[in-house]
Amino acid sequence: MQHTFDLLVIGDVNPDIVIGSLDAPLAFGQREQLVGTGLLTLGGSAAIMACGAARLGLKVAIAGRVGDDEAGRFAATALRARGVDTGALRLDPALPTPLTVVVTRADGDRTILTAPGTLTATGPDDVPEELLTRGRHVHAASYFLLPGLAGPLPGLLRTARAHGATTSLDTNDDPSGTWAPAGFDEVLAVTDFLLPNAQEARALAPAATSLDSAAAELASHGPLVVVKDGARGALAHDGRTALRTSGIPARPLDTVGAGDSFDAGFVAATLGGLSTADALELAAACGALSTRAHGGTAAQPTWDEALAALVRNGEDH
C-alpha cells in the first residue's frame, strides 16, 4: 500500500486561553482574581497531538472543522506554522470556532471550560476518504466532544485499516459524565491503540477494581491500551501483560496538552519501528518535556530531544 503521509489526525481544533495558577476556588459574585500568567495558544486534543507528531518528524494532516472567523484563522495558521497540513480543515460559514479556557492550579490540576461551536456539527463528511486511504496511521481525538463523528467513527477507522493504516483513539474527558456511549465496543474493535489517562481508563471500565484491571478490560475488546498516569508514568496492557514506565522527572509549568504530546510520541515511536516498551518510554518523555512551557505546543520535543532526555534519565539512574 502506497502511503503519502504518516499520520491523519481527526478531531478538535481551537484556540486555548491558559491562565493560572489559581490557588483559590473560582470566585463568582463579580469578583476579580489575579493569576501569574495568561496565554493565547493553539488548543484542541487533535491539534496538539498533530503538532507534537510533526515536531517529532512525521508528515501530518488534520481533518476537522473550524468557524470562518478570527479564532479559526488563528488555529489554522498555528497548525501550518508547525508543519501540519490543514487542507482538510473545513470552514463552517455559520458556527463559530470552539474556544477553551483552561484555569490551572499549582498542584498541576486544572479546570477546562469549552464552548463547542463547530464541534457539534463535525461529522464524517469532514474526513475525506482520500486521506483515510493515504496515511500510515489515523488518530481520532476527543470522542465525547464530537457526537456527529462518534457513530461513523468505526467505519472511518475500518476504511483506514483496509488500506493498511493502523489506528488510535484518545477519548479525552466526557463532559456529560456518563461514559457509556452506544457502539463504543465497535470503535474499540477497529482501534489498534487506545490512549486514555488513568481517570478516563477507570471511567471507561467502571467495574474494574484497579488501573491494571481497567486497562485489561478495555484491552479485551481489541486494542493495546496505553494509559497515561501523570507523575506515576504510564502503562501498556495487551489484555495479558502490563508493561510500565516511571517516565522521566519533570517540574511542569503546566500540564496542558501533555497527554496529547504523549500520544504523538507513542504513535511516532511505533511507526518508527520501536517495541511497545521503548515506545512507552519515548511517549512518556514527550509528555514530560511538553510541560516545560505553558500551553500544549510551545515545548513539544523533537525526536532527538526526546531520545536525549531518555539517555540522561538512564544515566541518572
Protein backbone atom coordinates (compact mmCIF):
# COMPACT_ATOMS: atom_id res chain seq x y z
CA MET A 1 0.00 0.00 0.00
CA GLN A 2 1.44 3.38 -1.06
CA HIS A 3 1.11 5.95 1.71
CA THR A 4 1.80 9.63 1.01
CA PHE A 5 1.84 10.84 4.62
CA ASP A 6 2.44 9.32 8.05
CA LEU A 7 -0.48 10.46 10.16
CA LEU A 8 -4.02 11.74 9.76
CA VAL A 9 -5.49 13.27 12.93
CA ILE A 10 -9.28 13.64 13.20
CA GLY A 11 -10.87 15.90 15.78
CA ASP A 12 -10.93 19.20 17.62
CA VAL A 13 -9.06 22.37 16.69
CA ASN A 14 -9.44 25.59 18.69
CA PRO A 15 -7.60 28.36 20.49
CA ASP A 16 -6.83 27.79 24.17
CA ILE A 17 -6.67 30.58 26.72
CA VAL A 18 -4.50 29.18 29.52
CA ILE A 19 -4.37 31.16 32.77
CA GLY A 20 -3.03 30.38 36.20
CA SER A 21 -2.07 29.33 38.60
CA LEU A 22 -5.18 29.89 40.67
CA ASP A 23 -4.72 28.64 44.22
CA ALA A 24 -8.20 29.54 45.47
CA PRO A 25 -11.61 28.39 44.28
CA LEU A 26 -13.10 30.15 41.26
CA ALA A 27 -14.99 33.09 42.74
CA PHE A 28 -18.31 34.26 41.34
CA GLY A 29 -20.27 37.28 42.55
CA GLN A 30 -18.42 39.56 40.10
CA ARG A 31 -15.14 39.03 41.92
CA GLU A 32 -11.88 39.55 40.02
CA GLN A 33 -8.99 37.20 40.76
CA LEU A 34 -5.39 37.74 39.71
CA VAL A 35 -3.12 34.98 38.37
CA GLY A 36 0.50 34.92 37.37
CA THR A 37 0.33 34.04 33.69
CA GLY A 38 -2.03 34.09 30.72
CA LEU A 39 -1.52 32.70 27.24
CA LEU A 40 -3.46 32.54 23.99
CA THR A 41 -2.28 29.44 22.12
CA LEU A 42 -3.32 26.57 19.91
CA GLY A 43 -5.56 24.03 21.63
CA GLY A 44 -7.74 21.01 21.00
CA SER A 45 -6.51 17.48 21.64
CA ALA A 46 -6.33 16.67 17.94
CA ALA A 47 -4.46 19.85 17.09
CA ILE A 48 -1.91 19.46 19.89
CA MET A 49 -1.32 15.80 19.02
CA ALA A 50 -0.85 16.70 15.33
CA CYS A 51 1.70 19.38 16.21
CA GLY A 52 3.56 17.02 18.51
CA ALA A 53 3.81 14.37 15.80
CA ALA A 54 5.00 16.92 13.24
CA ARG A 55 7.62 18.13 15.71
CA LEU A 56 8.84 14.53 16.00
CA GLY A 57 9.35 14.40 12.24
CA LEU A 58 6.14 12.84 10.93
CA LYS A 59 4.29 14.10 7.87
CA VAL A 60 0.92 15.02 9.37
CA ALA A 61 -2.52 16.09 8.08
CA ILE A 62 -5.53 17.10 10.16
CA ALA A 63 -9.25 16.82 9.41
CA GLY A 64 -11.99 18.66 11.27
CA ARG A 65 -13.98 21.86 11.26
CA VAL A 66 -13.48 25.42 12.48
CA GLY A 67 -15.51 28.58 12.05
CA ASP A 68 -14.90 31.16 9.35
CA ASP A 69 -13.72 33.62 11.98
CA GLU A 70 -10.60 35.06 13.59
CA ALA A 71 -10.33 32.17 16.05
CA GLY A 72 -10.42 29.64 13.20
CA ARG A 73 -7.83 31.53 11.20
CA PHE A 74 -5.61 31.75 14.29
CA ALA A 75 -5.80 27.98 14.83
CA ALA A 76 -5.23 27.08 11.18
CA THR A 77 -2.23 29.43 10.95
CA ALA A 78 -0.73 27.93 14.10
CA LEU A 79 -1.11 24.41 12.72
CA ARG A 80 0.55 25.32 9.42
CA ALA A 81 3.38 27.09 11.24
CA ARG A 82 4.12 23.79 12.98
CA GLY A 83 4.16 21.80 9.75
CA VAL A 84 0.65 20.31 9.81
CA ASP A 85 -1.29 20.05 6.53
CA THR A 86 -4.64 21.84 7.01
CA GLY A 87 -6.07 21.16 3.55
CA ALA A 88 -8.89 19.10 5.10
CA LEU A 89 -9.68 21.61 7.86
CA ARG A 90 -13.16 22.74 6.82
CA LEU A 91 -14.51 26.26 7.40
CA ASP A 92 -18.06 26.40 8.74
CA PRO A 93 -19.89 29.51 7.43
CA ALA A 94 -22.34 29.66 10.34
CA LEU A 95 -20.94 28.18 13.56
CA PRO A 96 -18.02 29.68 15.50
CA THR A 97 -14.69 28.05 16.16
CA PRO A 98 -14.61 26.25 19.53
CA LEU A 99 -12.92 28.11 22.34
CA THR A 100 -11.43 26.69 25.53
CA VAL A 101 -10.37 28.42 28.72
CA VAL A 102 -8.03 26.41 30.96
CA VAL A 103 -7.52 27.54 34.55
CA THR A 104 -4.51 25.84 36.12
CA ARG A 105 -3.50 25.26 39.74
CA ALA A 106 -0.01 25.00 41.18
CA ASP A 107 -0.56 21.32 42.01
CA GLY A 108 -0.97 20.53 38.29
CA ASP A 109 -4.74 20.17 38.30
CA ARG A 110 -6.92 22.33 36.07
CA THR A 111 -10.47 23.10 35.10
CA ILE A 112 -11.46 23.31 31.44
CA LEU A 113 -14.33 25.38 30.06
CA THR A 114 -15.18 24.81 26.39
CA ALA A 115 -17.69 26.47 24.08
CA PRO A 116 -18.13 23.71 21.47
CA GLY A 117 -19.02 25.79 18.41
CA THR A 118 -18.32 23.71 15.29
CA LEU A 119 -17.66 20.54 17.31
CA THR A 120 -21.39 19.82 17.39
CA ALA A 121 -21.58 19.88 13.58
CA THR A 122 -18.38 17.96 12.77
CA GLY A 123 -19.19 14.71 11.02
CA PRO A 124 -17.90 12.05 8.62
CA ASP A 125 -18.13 14.39 5.63
CA ASP A 126 -15.34 16.41 7.25
CA VAL A 127 -12.97 13.44 6.86
CA PRO A 128 -12.11 12.96 3.17
CA GLU A 129 -11.96 9.30 2.22
CA GLU A 130 -8.87 10.04 0.17
CA LEU A 131 -6.99 10.92 3.35
CA LEU A 132 -8.12 7.74 5.08
CA THR A 133 -6.56 5.71 2.28
CA ARG A 134 -3.23 7.55 2.09
CA GLY A 135 -1.89 7.62 5.65
CA ARG A 136 0.14 5.11 7.62
CA HIS A 137 -1.83 5.86 10.78
CA VAL A 138 -5.15 7.52 11.71
CA HIS A 139 -5.66 9.03 15.16
CA ALA A 140 -9.04 10.21 16.46
CA ALA A 141 -9.30 12.61 19.41
CA SER A 142 -11.97 13.98 21.76
CA TYR A 143 -14.54 11.27 21.07
CA PHE A 144 -17.09 12.66 23.53
CA LEU A 145 -16.90 16.21 22.16
CA LEU A 146 -17.77 15.11 18.62
CA PRO A 147 -21.18 13.42 18.70
CA GLY A 148 -21.58 13.59 14.93
CA LEU A 149 -18.37 11.59 14.46
CA ALA A 150 -18.89 9.02 17.22
CA GLY A 151 -21.34 6.82 15.30
CA PRO A 152 -19.48 6.88 11.96
CA LEU A 153 -16.02 6.54 13.55
CA PRO A 154 -15.83 2.70 13.32
CA GLY A 155 -16.49 2.92 9.58
CA LEU A 156 -13.82 5.60 9.12
CA LEU A 157 -11.23 3.58 11.04
CA ARG A 158 -12.25 0.41 9.21
CA THR A 159 -11.60 2.14 5.88
CA ALA A 160 -8.17 3.27 7.06
CA ARG A 161 -7.27 -0.23 8.22
CA ALA A 162 -8.43 -1.72 4.92
CA HIS A 163 -5.81 0.47 3.23
CA GLY A 164 -3.01 -0.65 5.53
CA ALA A 165 -3.16 2.00 8.26
CA THR A 166 -3.00 1.48 11.99
CA THR A 167 -5.40 3.42 14.22
CA SER A 168 -5.60 5.05 17.63
CA LEU A 169 -8.14 6.83 19.81
CA ASP A 170 -7.88 9.25 22.72
CA THR A 171 -11.39 9.77 24.06
CA ASN A 172 -10.44 12.58 26.46
CA ASP A 173 -12.99 13.57 29.10
CA ASP A 174 -16.76 13.06 28.84
CA PRO A 175 -18.44 16.35 29.85
CA SER A 176 -21.74 14.51 30.37
CA GLY A 177 -20.15 12.18 32.90
CA THR A 178 -21.98 9.13 31.51
CA TRP A 179 -19.02 7.31 29.89
CA ALA A 180 -21.34 4.80 28.22
CA PRO A 181 -21.61 5.65 24.52
CA ALA A 182 -23.61 3.36 22.26
CA GLY A 183 -21.36 1.49 19.87
CA PHE A 184 -18.13 2.09 21.78
CA ASP A 185 -17.21 -1.61 21.63
CA GLU A 186 -17.42 -1.34 17.85
CA VAL A 187 -14.93 1.53 17.93
CA LEU A 188 -12.53 -0.44 20.13
CA ALA A 189 -12.69 -3.40 17.73
CA VAL A 190 -11.08 -1.28 14.99
CA THR A 191 -8.68 0.66 17.24
CA ASP A 192 -5.09 -0.53 17.48
CA PHE A 193 -4.12 1.79 20.36
CA LEU A 194 -6.48 3.23 22.97
CA LEU A 195 -4.75 6.12 24.75
CA PRO A 196 -6.69 7.24 27.86
CA ASN A 197 -5.33 8.80 31.00
CA ALA A 198 -5.80 6.92 34.26
CA GLN A 199 -9.02 8.71 35.22
CA GLU A 200 -10.51 8.07 31.77
CA ALA A 201 -9.50 4.40 31.79
CA ARG A 202 -11.26 3.85 35.12
CA ALA A 203 -14.36 5.69 33.89
CA LEU A 204 -14.48 3.61 30.69
CA ALA A 205 -14.22 0.38 32.71
CA PRO A 206 -16.23 1.23 35.85
CA ALA A 207 -16.42 -2.34 37.14
CA ALA A 208 -12.63 -2.62 37.33
CA THR A 209 -11.07 -2.54 40.79
CA SER A 210 -7.65 -1.19 39.77
CA LEU A 211 -5.98 0.68 36.93
CA ASP A 212 -4.40 -2.55 35.70
CA SER A 213 -7.74 -4.35 35.60
CA ALA A 214 -9.37 -1.37 33.84
CA ALA A 215 -6.68 -1.48 31.18
CA ALA A 216 -7.05 -5.25 30.85
CA GLU A 217 -10.83 -4.95 30.50
CA LEU A 218 -10.53 -2.36 27.74
CA ALA A 219 -7.82 -4.39 26.00
CA SER A 220 -10.15 -7.41 25.89
CA HIS A 221 -12.18 -5.50 23.28
CA GLY A 222 -9.27 -5.36 20.85
CA PRO A 223 -6.81 -2.51 21.29
CA LEU A 224 -3.48 -2.24 23.01
CA VAL A 225 -4.40 0.05 25.92
CA VAL A 226 -1.77 2.68 26.74
CA VAL A 227 -2.60 4.58 29.91
CA LYS A 228 -1.07 7.92 30.93
CA ASP A 229 -0.73 8.10 34.71
CA GLY A 230 0.77 11.53 35.36
CA ALA A 231 3.79 11.66 37.64
CA ARG A 232 3.50 7.87 38.11
CA GLY A 233 4.42 7.29 34.46
CA ALA A 234 2.43 5.11 32.10
CA LEU A 235 1.47 1.53 31.36
CA ALA A 236 0.58 -0.52 28.30
CA HIS A 237 -1.71 -3.55 28.52
CA ASP A 238 -2.43 -6.05 25.75
CA GLY A 239 -5.03 -8.00 27.75
CA ARG A 240 -2.47 -10.43 29.12
CA THR A 241 0.60 -8.49 30.21
CA ALA A 242 1.20 -4.99 31.51
CA LEU A 243 4.35 -3.01 30.72
CA ARG A 244 5.23 0.04 32.81
CA THR A 245 7.48 3.06 32.73
CA SER A 246 8.05 5.51 35.54
CA GLY A 247 8.75 8.20 32.96
CA ILE A 248 11.28 10.99 33.40
CA PRO A 249 11.29 13.63 36.15
CA ALA A 250 9.53 16.88 35.30
CA ARG A 251 8.78 20.18 37.01
CA PRO A 252 5.82 21.30 34.95
CA LEU A 253 4.87 24.91 34.35
CA ASP A 254 1.51 23.42 33.42
CA THR A 255 0.35 20.04 32.10
CA VAL A 256 -1.94 21.32 29.32
CA GLY A 257 -1.65 19.00 26.33
CA ALA A 258 0.88 16.68 27.95
CA GLY A 259 -1.31 13.67 27.22
CA ASP A 260 -1.62 14.68 23.57
CA SER A 261 2.17 15.03 23.31
CA PHE A 262 2.42 11.56 24.87
CA ASP A 263 0.05 10.26 22.18
CA ALA A 264 2.20 11.82 19.47
CA GLY A 265 5.30 10.21 20.91
CA PHE A 266 3.74 6.77 21.13
CA VAL A 267 2.43 6.87 17.56
CA ALA A 268 5.69 8.26 16.17
CA ALA A 269 7.76 5.66 18.02
CA THR A 270 5.51 2.81 16.89
CA LEU A 271 5.60 3.98 13.26
CA GLY A 272 9.38 4.21 13.66
CA GLY A 273 9.54 0.50 14.48
CA LEU A 274 10.18 0.71 18.21
CA SER A 275 8.92 -2.01 20.51
CA THR A 276 5.94 -1.32 22.75
CA ALA A 277 8.24 -0.97 25.76
CA ASP A 278 10.50 1.53 24.00
CA ALA A 279 7.55 3.40 22.52
CA LEU A 280 6.09 3.73 26.02
CA GLU A 281 9.35 5.21 27.29
CA LEU A 282 9.62 7.70 24.45
CA ALA A 283 5.97 8.71 24.75
CA ALA A 284 6.37 9.40 28.46
CA ALA A 285 9.41 11.54 27.71
CA CYS A 286 7.44 13.52 25.12
CA GLY A 287 4.64 14.14 27.59
CA ALA A 288 7.02 15.26 30.34
CA LEU A 289 9.08 17.53 28.10
CA SER A 290 5.97 19.27 26.80
CA THR A 291 5.32 20.66 30.28
CA ARG A 292 8.46 22.86 30.17
CA ALA A 293 6.36 25.78 28.86
CA HIS A 294 2.80 27.00 29.27
CA GLY A 295 0.23 25.65 26.79
CA GLY A 296 0.23 22.47 24.77
CA THR A 297 2.65 23.08 21.89
CA ALA A 298 5.43 25.51 22.83
CA ALA A 299 7.75 22.93 24.42
CA GLN A 300 6.95 19.80 22.40
CA PRO A 301 10.23 17.96 21.80
CA THR A 302 11.94 16.86 18.64
CA TRP A 303 12.81 13.19 18.25
CA ASP A 304 16.44 13.87 19.20
CA GLU A 305 15.40 15.86 22.29
CA ALA A 306 13.17 13.04 23.48
CA LEU A 307 15.90 10.45 22.98
CA ALA A 308 18.44 12.66 24.76
CA ALA A 309 16.10 13.02 27.73
CA LEU A 310 15.81 9.24 27.97
CA VAL A 311 19.59 8.88 27.87
CA ARG A 312 20.03 11.50 30.62
CA ASN A 313 17.38 9.81 32.73
CA GLY A 314 19.11 6.45 32.31
CA GLU A 315 22.45 7.93 33.33
CA ASP A 316 20.87 9.50 36.43
CA HIS A 317 19.67 6.04 37.46
